[in-house]
Amino acid sequence: MFRFILHRLGMAVPTLLLISVIVFALIRLIPGDPALLMLGDMADPQSLADMRSSLGLDHSVVSQYLIWIKSVLSGDLGVSISSRQPVLELLVERFSVSATVVLVSVLLATLLAVPVGLLAAWKQNSVMDLGLVATATLLLS
């Protein structure tokens, strides 16, 4: 069992590394210049150069990735271009709403699924059981 867990943990490292490279690449493939998006079309060249420097866009791609991964691991997800607020704060604000929706959904699903499951078990191999199983399967897909 210990070897299995160790193997799984060992496989998690390259998987997470690959995911981080894909996410970084997708972020970099978004069209547009981040500095220009933040400063607007009327920004002067010096302001754009300063913003690119402060965003680390003047470094090599490998250096940008290493800086990005260090920031992400320390909890710094950057600043939103549209709202100019830290991304982590925006995620925390919206998490409570998402968590509430998930909890209500799980509660309703449980309150509905337990009686339906008990009824299907009580009337096992009957038309009602087949109908309940078919309905549950249809609703899950």
Foldseek 3Di string as FASTA:
>chain_A
DVVVVVVVVVVVVVVVVVVLVVVLVVVVPPDDDLLCLQPDPPDDPVSSVVSCVVLVVVDDSVVNSVVCVVCVVVPFNDADSVPRHGPSVVCVVCVVVVVVVVVVVVVVCVVVVVVLVVVLVVVPPDPSVVVSVVVVVVVVD
